[in-house]
C-alpha atoms as a PDB file:
ATOM      1  CA  VAL A   1      16.993  13.739  16.786  1.00  0.00           C
ATOM      2  CA  CYS A   2      18.919  14.801  19.480  1.00  0.00           C
ATOM      3  CA  ALA A   3      21.734  17.530  19.197  1.00  0.00           C
ATOM      4  CA  PHE A   4      24.407  19.386  21.347  1.00  0.00           C
ATOM      5  CA  TYR A   5      25.628  22.785  20.261  1.00  0.00           C
ATOM      6  CA  ALA A   6      28.384  24.581  21.494  1.00  0.00           C
ATOM      7  CA  ASN A   7      29.199  28.171  20.214  1.00  0.00           C
ATOM      8  CA  ASP A   8      31.695  30.837  21.235  1.00  0.00           C
ATOM      9  CA  GLU A   9      31.946  34.584  20.292  1.00  0.00           C
ATOM     10  CA  ILE A  10      35.624  35.963  20.397  1.00  0.00           C
ATOM     11  CA  LYS A  11      36.474  39.627  19.479  1.00  0.00           C
ATOM     12  CA  ALA A  12      40.202  39.535  18.423  1.00  0.00           C
ATOM     13  CA  SER A  13      40.409  43.297  17.761  1.00  0.00           C
ATOM     14  CA  ASP A  14      38.079  46.467  17.687  1.00  0.00           C
ATOM     15  CA  ASN A  15      37.436  45.393  14.098  1.00  0.00           C
ATOM     16  CA  LEU A  16      37.274  41.599  14.003  1.00  0.00           C
ATOM     17  CA  SER A  17      35.106  39.231  15.609  1.00  0.00           C
ATOM     18  CA  LEU A  18      34.699  35.442  15.133  1.00  0.00           C
ATOM     19  CA  ASN A  19      31.690  33.355  15.959  1.00  0.00           C
ATOM     20  CA  ILE A  20      32.893  29.877  16.194  1.00  0.00           C
ATOM     21  CA  GLY A  21      30.320  26.819  16.761  1.00  0.00           C
ATOM     22  CA  LEU A  22      30.036  23.288  16.573  1.00  0.00           C
ATOM     23  CA  ARG A  23      26.905  21.193  16.377  1.00  0.00           C
ATOM     24  CA  LEU A  24      26.498  17.309  17.048  1.00  0.00           C
ATOM     25  CA  PRO A  25      23.326  15.778  15.800  1.00  0.00           C
ATOM     26  CA  THR A  26      22.509  12.256  15.947  1.00  0.00           C
ATOM     27  CA  PHE A  27      19.658  10.570  14.447  1.00  0.00           C
ATOM     28  CA  THR A  28      18.506   6.883  14.890  1.00  0.00           C
ATOM     29  CA  ARG A  29      15.851   4.737  12.887  1.00  0.00           C
ATOM     30  CA  SER A  30      15.416   1.069  12.513  1.00  0.00           C
ATOM     31  CA  GLY A  31      18.459   0.283  14.107  1.00  0.00           C
ATOM     32  CA  THR A  32      20.607   2.501  12.106  1.00  0.00           C
ATOM     33  CA  SER A  33      22.502   5.616  13.969  1.00  0.00           C
ATOM     34  CA  TYR A  34      23.877   8.602  12.011  1.00  0.00           C
ATOM     35  CA  SER A  35      26.108  11.071  14.091  1.00  0.00           C
ATOM     36  CA  PHE A  36      27.916  13.937  12.737  1.00  0.00           C
ATOM     37  CA  ILE A  37      30.135  16.690  13.286  1.00  0.00           C
ATOM     38  CA  GLU A  38      29.015  20.395  11.935  1.00  0.00           C
ATOM     39  CA  PRO A  39      31.323  23.209  12.232  1.00  0.00           C
ATOM     40  CA  ARG A  40      30.030  26.748  11.911  1.00  0.00           C
ATOM     41  CA  LEU A  41      32.586  29.795  11.296  1.00  0.00           C
ATOM     42  CA  ASN A  42      31.328  33.348  10.900  1.00  0.00           C
ATOM     43  CA  ILE A  43      33.664  36.051  10.801  1.00  0.00           C
ATOM     44  CA  LYS A  44      32.995  39.753  10.857  1.00  0.00           C
ATOM     45  CA  TYR A  45      35.335  42.562   9.918  1.00  0.00           C
ATOM     46  CA  SER A  46      34.336  45.949  10.625  1.00  0.00           C
ATOM     47  CA  LEU A  47      35.352  48.792   8.130  1.00  0.00           C
ATOM     48  CA  ASN A  48      33.738  51.567  10.212  1.00  0.00           C
ATOM     49  CA  PRO A  49      30.629  51.754  12.583  1.00  0.00           C
ATOM     50  CA  THR A  50      28.026  51.014   9.899  1.00  0.00           C
ATOM     51  CA  THR A  51      29.804  48.959   7.109  1.00  0.00           C
ATOM     52  CA  SER A  52      31.046  45.645   7.754  1.00  0.00           C
ATOM     53  CA  ILE A  53      32.335  42.305   5.457  1.00  0.00           C
ATOM     54  CA  LYS A  54      31.251  39.109   6.744  1.00  0.00           C
ATOM     55  CA  ALA A  55      32.165  35.289   5.645  1.00  0.00           C
ATOM     56  CA  ALA A  56      30.771  32.115   6.834  1.00  0.00           C
ATOM     57  CA  TYR A  57      31.442  28.487   6.600  1.00  0.00           C
ATOM     58  CA  THR A  58      28.531  25.910   7.704  1.00  0.00           C
ATOM     59  CA  GLU A  59      28.071  22.262   7.505  1.00  0.00           C
ATOM     60  CA  MET A  60      24.493  20.811   8.057  1.00  0.00           C
ATOM     61  CA  ASN A  61      22.984  17.425   7.940  1.00  0.00           C
ATOM     62  CA  GLN A  62      19.091  16.725   7.154  1.00  0.00           C
ATOM     63  CA  PHE A  63      17.448  13.277   8.126  1.00  0.00           C
ATOM     64  CA  VAL A  64      14.299  14.023   6.566  1.00  0.00           C
ATOM     65  CA  HIS A  65      14.048  14.201   2.590  1.00  0.00           C
ATOM     66  CA  LEU A  66      11.312  15.757   0.625  1.00  0.00           C
ATOM     67  CA  VAL A  67      11.085  13.665  -2.693  1.00  0.00           C
ATOM     68  CA  PRO A  68       9.569  15.201  -5.521  1.00  0.00           C
ATOM     69  CA  SER A  69       7.752  13.548  -8.331  1.00  0.00           C
ATOM     70  CA  SER A  70       7.133  14.963 -11.759  1.00  0.00           C
ATOM     71  CA  THR A  71       5.612  12.254 -13.694  1.00  0.00           C
ATOM     72  CA  ALA A  72       2.303  12.139 -11.766  1.00  0.00           C
ATOM     73  CA  SER A  73      -0.383  14.701 -12.935  1.00  0.00           C
ATOM     74  CA  LEU A  74      -0.971  15.734  -9.174  1.00  0.00           C
ATOM     75  CA  PRO A  75       1.653  16.547  -6.930  1.00  0.00           C
ATOM     76  CA  THR A  76       2.990  13.523  -4.970  1.00  0.00           C
ATOM     77  CA  ASP A  77       5.800  14.753  -3.212  1.00  0.00           C
ATOM     78  CA  ILE A  78       6.451  12.790  -0.152  1.00  0.00           C
ATOM     79  CA  TRP A  79       8.674  13.051   2.852  1.00  0.00           C
ATOM     80  CA  ILE A  80      10.793  10.148   3.895  1.00  0.00           C
ATOM     81  CA  SER A  81      13.382   9.822   7.012  1.00  0.00           C
ATOM     82  CA  SER A  82      16.849   8.595   6.575  1.00  0.00           C
ATOM     83  CA  GLY A  83      17.348   5.142   7.494  1.00  0.00           C
ATOM     84  CA  PRO A  84      19.222   1.884   6.648  1.00  0.00           C
ATOM     85  CA  THR A  85      19.143   2.583   3.003  1.00  0.00           C
ATOM     86  CA  VAL A  86      18.532   6.400   2.728  1.00  0.00           C
ATOM     87  CA  LYS A  87      21.535   8.198   3.956  1.00  0.00           C
ATOM     88  CA  PRO A  88      21.086  11.786   5.604  1.00  0.00           C
ATOM     89  CA  GLN A  89      21.299  14.631   3.392  1.00  0.00           C
ATOM     90  CA  ASN A  90      24.755  16.607   3.711  1.00  0.00           C
ATOM     91  CA  SER A  91      25.495  20.145   2.694  1.00  0.00           C
ATOM     92  CA  ARG A  92      28.423  22.452   3.184  1.00  0.00           C
ATOM     93  CA  GLN A  93      28.221  26.403   2.605  1.00  0.00           C
ATOM     94  CA  ILE A  94      30.225  29.279   2.162  1.00  0.00           C
ATOM     95  CA  ALA A  95      29.232  32.722   2.089  1.00  0.00           C
ATOM     96  CA  LEU A  96      30.440  36.340   1.817  1.00  0.00           C
ATOM     97  CA  GLY A  97      28.776  39.716   2.183  1.00  0.00           C
ATOM     98  CA  LEU A  98      29.024  43.307   2.512  1.00  0.00           C
ATOM     99  CA  PHE A  99      26.516  44.819   5.291  1.00  0.00           C
ATOM    100  CA  LYS A 100      25.685  48.458   5.895  1.00  0.00           C
ATOM    101  CA  ASN A 101      23.549  50.467   8.296  1.00  0.00           C
ATOM    102  CA  PHE A 102      21.959  53.764   7.588  1.00  0.00           C
ATOM    103  CA  GLU A 103      20.228  56.744   9.631  1.00  0.00           C
ATOM    104  CA  ASN A 104      21.495  55.352  12.810  1.00  0.00           C
ATOM    105  CA  ASN A 105      20.605  51.720  12.381  1.00  0.00           C
ATOM    106  CA  ALA A 106      17.263  52.360  11.040  1.00  0.00           C
ATOM    107  CA  TYR A 107      17.852  50.608   7.883  1.00  0.00           C
ATOM    108  CA  GLU A 108      19.971  47.649   7.050  1.00  0.00           C
ATOM    109  CA  THR A 109      21.482  46.618   3.874  1.00  0.00           C
ATOM    110  CA  SER A 110      23.277  43.534   2.778  1.00  0.00           C
ATOM    111  CA  VAL A 111      24.649  41.795  -0.481  1.00  0.00           C
ATOM    112  CA  GLU A 112      25.719  38.499   0.285  1.00  0.00           C
ATOM    113  CA  ALA A 113      27.050  35.535  -2.460  1.00  0.00           C
ATOM    114  CA  TYR A 114      27.122  31.953  -1.563  1.00  0.00           C
ATOM    115  CA  TYR A 115      28.045  28.477  -2.823  1.00  0.00           C
ATOM    116  CA  LYS A 116      26.546  25.361  -1.435  1.00  0.00           C
ATOM    117  CA  THR A 117      27.373  21.579  -2.352  1.00  0.00           C
ATOM    118  CA  MET A 118      24.688  18.856  -1.411  1.00  0.00           C
ATOM    119  CA  GLN A 119      25.202  15.186  -0.988  1.00  0.00           C
ATOM    120  CA  ASN A 120      22.299  12.657  -0.684  1.00  0.00           C
ATOM    121  CA  LEU A 121      19.937  14.155  -2.851  1.00  0.00           C
ATOM    122  CA  TYR A 122      16.898  11.569  -3.469  1.00  0.00           C
ATOM    123  CA  GLU A 123      14.331  11.325  -6.309  1.00  0.00           C
ATOM    124  CA  TYR A 124      12.264   8.824  -7.698  1.00  0.00           C
ATOM    125  CA  ARG A 125      14.045   6.600 -10.407  1.00  0.00           C
ATOM    126  CA  ASP A 126      13.105   7.164 -13.978  1.00  0.00           C
ATOM    127  CA  GLY A 127       9.785   5.201 -14.747  1.00  0.00           C
ATOM    128  CA  THR A 128       8.553   4.934 -11.037  1.00  0.00           C
ATOM    129  CA  ILE A 129       5.056   4.637 -10.871  1.00  0.00           C
ATOM    130  CA  LEU A 130       3.209   5.361  -7.918  1.00  0.00           C
ATOM    131  CA  ASN A 131       0.142   3.558  -6.967  1.00  0.00           C
ATOM    132  CA  SER A 132      -1.062   2.018  -4.024  1.00  0.00           C
ATOM    133  CA  LEU A 133      -0.582  -1.758  -5.584  1.00  0.00           C
ATOM    134  CA  ASN A 134       3.215  -1.224  -5.806  1.00  0.00           C
ATOM    135  CA  THR A 135       4.899  -3.570  -3.306  1.00  0.00           C
ATOM    136  CA  THR A 136       8.361  -2.522  -4.080  1.00  0.00           C
ATOM    137  CA  ARG A 137      10.120  -1.091  -1.237  1.00  0.00           C
ATOM    138  CA  LEU A 138       9.912   2.904  -1.502  1.00  0.00           C
ATOM    139  CA  SER A 139      13.719   3.153  -0.968  1.00  0.00           C
ATOM    140  CA  GLU A 140      14.391   0.839  -4.054  1.00  0.00           C
ATOM    141  CA  GLN A 141      12.304   3.064  -6.075  1.00  0.00           C
ATOM    142  CA  LEU A 142      14.676   6.178  -5.404  1.00  0.00           C
ATOM    143  CA  THR A 143      17.999   7.073  -6.993  1.00  0.00           C
ATOM    144  CA  ARG A 144      20.536   9.138  -4.954  1.00  0.00           C
ATOM    145  CA  GLY A 145      22.732  12.236  -6.501  1.00  0.00           C
ATOM    146  CA  SER A 146      24.468  15.339  -5.481  1.00  0.00           C
ATOM    147  CA  GLY A 147      24.198  19.108  -6.278  1.00  0.00           C
ATOM    148  CA  GLU A 148      25.569  22.386  -5.953  1.00  0.00           C
ATOM    149  CA  SER A 149      23.907  25.787  -6.069  1.00  0.00           C
ATOM    150  CA  TYR A 150      25.209  29.644  -5.922  1.00  0.00           C
ATOM    151  CA  GLY A 151      23.923  32.929  -6.090  1.00  0.00           C
ATOM    152  CA  VAL A 152      23.386  36.225  -4.681  1.00  0.00           C
ATOM    153  CA  GLU A 153      20.848  37.537  -2.019  1.00  0.00           C
ATOM    154  CA  VAL A 154      20.171  41.341  -1.741  1.00  0.00           C
ATOM    155  CA  LEU A 155      18.244  42.591   1.684  1.00  0.00           C
ATOM    156  CA  LEU A 156      16.547  46.173   2.659  1.00  0.00           C
ATOM    157  CA  GLU A 157      15.274  46.209   5.929  1.00  0.00           C
ATOM    158  CA  ARG A 158      13.565  49.122   7.979  1.00  0.00           C
ATOM    159  CA  LYS A 159      14.215  48.152  11.699  1.00  0.00           C
ATOM    160  CA  THR A 160      12.284  51.247  13.443  1.00  0.00           C
ATOM    161  CA  GLY A 161       9.257  53.575  13.046  1.00  0.00           C
ATOM    162  CA  ALA A 162       5.634  52.756  12.575  1.00  0.00           C
ATOM    163  CA  LEU A 163       6.376  50.727   9.597  1.00  0.00           C
ATOM    164  CA  THR A 164       8.888  48.008   9.751  1.00  0.00           C
ATOM    165  CA  GLY A 165      10.045  45.062   7.619  1.00  0.00           C
ATOM    166  CA  TRP A 166      12.233  43.894   4.884  1.00  0.00           C
ATOM    167  CA  LEU A 167      12.221  43.609   1.270  1.00  0.00           C
ATOM    168  CA  GLY A 168      14.852  40.759  -0.320  1.00  0.00           C
ATOM    169  CA  TYR A 169      15.798  39.376  -3.484  1.00  0.00           C
ATOM    170  CA  THR A 170      17.558  36.101  -4.337  1.00  0.00           C
ATOM    171  CA  LEU A 171      19.074  35.135  -7.773  1.00  0.00           C
ATOM    172  CA  SER A 172      20.410  31.354  -7.451  1.00  0.00           C
ATOM    173  CA  TRP A 173      21.501  28.608  -9.994  1.00  0.00           C
ATOM    174  CA  PRO A 174      21.008  25.165  -9.252  1.00  0.00           C
END
């Protein structure tokens, strides 16, 4: 994988800032090449010095797939790379969140909702039996689909003091 990334931060006003990015990945395997344009946009609106609303849009592509199997008694998940018959996974995500800092930025809290669509998700076809005697090409044993997920993430972070760290919780639906 080879990628080019450009990013610019624009302060439109005292309260509004934009972060605009563009990623251009290229992946080549077995004579097949994939190139994409992946835009990224983050918008931040400050309600006051400690509170802001943020919105984001991101497009992403993944060239290596984790293919799960639930038919075997042992975990048989394998990683396969994109190629002539296995397309790269593509996703688009939007997010909207409220961010608040407390005690001179010692604590940061956030609540963020997201929605994500995904294409080119792979899994084994129904009835696939994995064994070392199987001579069928792996890509012929896969089925391709799409999906979506959405949810809410809550985060509390302590940034200063002897004990720092974060506590987060995500509630999501596939």
